[in-house]
Amino acid sequence: MQRRSKMGFLMRNFLVLFCWIILAVNAEEYITYKDPNKPLNRRIKDLMKRMTLEEKIGQMIQIDRTAATPKVMNKYYLGSVLSGGGSVPKKEASAEDWIDMINGFQKGSLSTRLGIPMIYGIDAVHGNNNVYKATIFPHNVALGVIRDPQLVKRIGSATALEARATGIPYVFAPCLAVCRDPRWGRCFESYSEDPNIVRSMSEMVPGLQGDVPSNGRLGVPFVANKQKVAACAKHYVGDGGTVKGINENNTIIDRHGLLSIHMAGYYSSIIKGVSTVMVSYSSWNGLRMHENKEMVTGFLKGTLRFRGFVISDWAGIDKLTYPWHTNYTYSILEGVNSGIDMVMLPYNYTEFIDGLTYLVNNNFVQMTRIDDAVKRILRVKFQMGLFENPLADYSLTKYLGCPEHRELAREAVRRSLVLLKNGANADEPVLPLPKKATNILVAGAHANNMGYQCGGWTITWQGLSGNTTIGTTILSAIENTVDPETKVVYKENPDSEFVKSNNFSYAIVVVGETPYAEGSGDTLNLTIPAPGPDIMTTVCASVKCVVVLLTGRPVVIQPYLAQMDAVVAAWLPGTEGQGVADVLFGDYGFTGKLARTWFKTVDQLPMNVGDSHYDPLFPFGFGLTTEPVKA
């Protein structure tokens, strides 16, 4: 009896111990940061306490896809990968090619000890512009003309879908630069010289990310669902105000000017929940923004209470020394301590890891700074659902270049055209043009060149010449629009004899700038490249002519203006050239108003509306109008 009682006691204790073991195992299996039902801050805190310094530093790194492999993502715990301009899986890669590549990198990240997903980023500055067959929208310089925040929001939503169609959840847009000097090679990325227009165009943020719900917290990163992407307000701050428009140069302005002019778009973007902010290469009064702790940590994170993460520009910290990268440990120290959370390296990840590890272990960079950076990165990743849905699927591939998005781009094109001249006087307008004519001349390389039509940041970083992607050239649009009986003759660079001998009813001359992006786009003369001016003068001397300018900014046209019968600023319209023909031939009227001052000579620059020396060729807000032709 006593023995049986002892056995029962042991059995009960064994059962209790077994239950405790089961509970303990279950407790270990339950991981707070993996539970989407737990509050965001609890998930962040739980994951942070599990992370080593090596894993934290890994999250602060972004590398280009050419440096990434699944093995690299796994070994170094890297937080992000990007495609630089033109960095693609292969030429004319399909949406499926992009998804396969990105999911491959992501599987490497998910196989790490903690399974923290990486975030893939890309410059989608006028549509998903690196991707073949994507809808290419007009550049921002054109969208500012329309002054319609809701249209820009719709473009943001379409861009998000086309990014997700290729498996990309993060885009480096919108550009909130207030370009104050068109000599700057990135002026086409700026909506306007007017900070109020730029501020209103921050509706691109909820277009990309979704609207913050009515009960949501303002200023906290927000991405609504899997059809939206994390946005990036750039380039913080003052990039559009550099001396002579020189890229990455010095913006000389007092604090009031910086905050009232160049900060305009950031105030509203942060309220609207923008997930990330990219720091500018430029300097403010001699101090590079990549090392400006007062403006990054003090003002952006402190005063504005921005809660997302701050990312550097491409090799941005390298440029803190001259020659670049000559004292990389110093660059890491200054960049990270200024408040940059994620560093777009984009290649030398082991050097950065070694350098930052040394700086932390020797108390040059405090752990509190590392923890702040990683918390911000994780906040964005958790909030956008990346932990729950780390892998892209193929269900959204149908949205890449879809008809609905192309129609939206076409609408944006026709609303962004600015009519600068329309005949010698108001009683004898040249536009709209008649669709029915004996024969018409179309001249200029830009009339039949998709690369010229789209400009920089299209397929490659600096842009290309030729039929680089799918779309409608202006020449094709004209041929599609005129009466079937009308003969359209295209001659890229006709001589005077050709123009005179063919007895054309009228001519459409399409000329402008060749593609460029930052750096190579800087210019001190702002002239139309040859043979554009010769084509204009030759054709317009012999036949009634309409000149369509494809440029990323105002250019020198005063010497030729008297000879032109009509002049249209079409900016960089993107793939949907049909929008140009829609308005030239009167299916829609001209409505665009300049969002930039059109100067007479470059000697006047910089010259912006409100300046004491304001004497433009066409003032800010100028734009002639026409009525649609009734069928």
Foldseek 3Di string as FASTA:
>chain_A
DVVVVVVVVVVVVVVVVVVVVVVVVVVVVDQVLLDLVDDLVVNLVSVVVVDDPQLLLQLQEEAELVQAFLQVCQVRVHAEYEHEFLRDQDAQDALVSLQVSQQRNQVSNCPHPVRRGHAYEYAQLQASFQHFLFFGFQALCLLLLLLDLVLLLQSLLLSLLQCLLSPHAEYADDELFQALFVLAQALLSHNFVFLVSSQSNLSSQCSQANFADPPGAFLAAGRPASSHHQYEYDAPWDQNQADLNAGLEEREDDPVCRCVRTCSNVLNNSRRRHAEYEYGSHHYPPHGRLQQLCVQVVCVCNVSVRQAAYEYPACSLQVVDPVGVPPVLVSLLRRLNSRHQHYPNHHDSVVSSVSVVVCDVVVSDDVVSSSSSSSNSSSNCSNHCCSVPVRRDNPSNCSRNHPVSLVSSLVSLLQSKFWPAAAPDPVHGCPQDALDDQEEEEEAQQQAWQQLLQAASHSGHQTDTHCSHDFAGLVNLSVVRHDPNYHYHYDHADALCVLQVVPHQEYEYEFEDHHGHGPVSRDLFQATDPPRVVSLQSNLVHGQYEYEYAASDAGADLVPVVSHRIYMDSYRSHRYSNSVVCDSNQVAKHDTFRSFFRANGSVVPSDGPPDPPDDGPAHGGDGDMDGGDDD
